[in-house]
Amino acid sequence: MHRRFFLLGAPLALAACATTAEQPPAVMSYVPPEPTIDPTYLAMYAAVDGEPFPVPAIDLTRIVDPKFLRREVDYASDEAPGTVVVDPNERFAWYVLGNGRAVRYGVGVGKVEAFNFQGDATIAWKAKWPKWTPTPDMIARDPQRYGPLRNGLPGGLGNPLGPRALYLHRDGRDTLYRLHGTVEPWTIGTKVSSGCIRLLNQDIIDLYDRVRDGSKAIVLPIRGEGMT
């Protein structure tokens, strides 16, 4: 036998001397199949073109609980079409269409009950790529984080309001609460904000296009300790 082939075959020969049992087949690690995503939602949450700043696609396989994705649903309400109703307990906002139907969006809400606005308001105005300014209360609670931003942050990448904002007023005065987008899409469906109501960026763009200045908004009261 040629010496090179003998040396290559030696380990196999020695292994055969150790046991007569066949080597078990290699165990393949289990790779779960990719979740099937409805093409409608892939299109709905795709990257948005035509904006002055990027609005990236939402990774629906890992970020958002499917129940918080935008959809048209049955919704019995006495409110006029065009009204926005927010339920911080369920983490949903509804845009009332009328005839028992509404467009439902998943939202993130205030992490502390005291931070959450409640009651009726007017969407006095709305803005694209809005400037963000921390409230005096936010600066007082965390001066190191918010103090340097007291003069505001211009719209664009990194701005916590995202691509759109709807401004809630009551009795002609700014409540300092908004419905807006988010740079943290994984927080939708949770208690995380300083009181404002955040939506996925594609959803706040959709809501912005539907809502008219002067529309009514309602934020329902929190149901005590049941909110998690």
Foldseek 3Di string as FASTA:
>chain_A
DPPVVCVVCVVVVVVCVVDVDDDDDDDDDDDDDQDDDDVVVQVLQAWDPDDPATQHGDPPRPADDVVQAKDKDFADDPDDQQEWEAEQQQQKIWRDHDPRMTIIHGKEFAQDQVLADFFKWFQQDKDFQAWDADDPVVCVVPVVVRVVQNVTDGGYPPHAQAGMWGFTHDPPHTPSEIEGEGPRRSRGRYNDDSHHMYGHNSVVVVSVVRHDRGHMYGYHHDDPPSRD
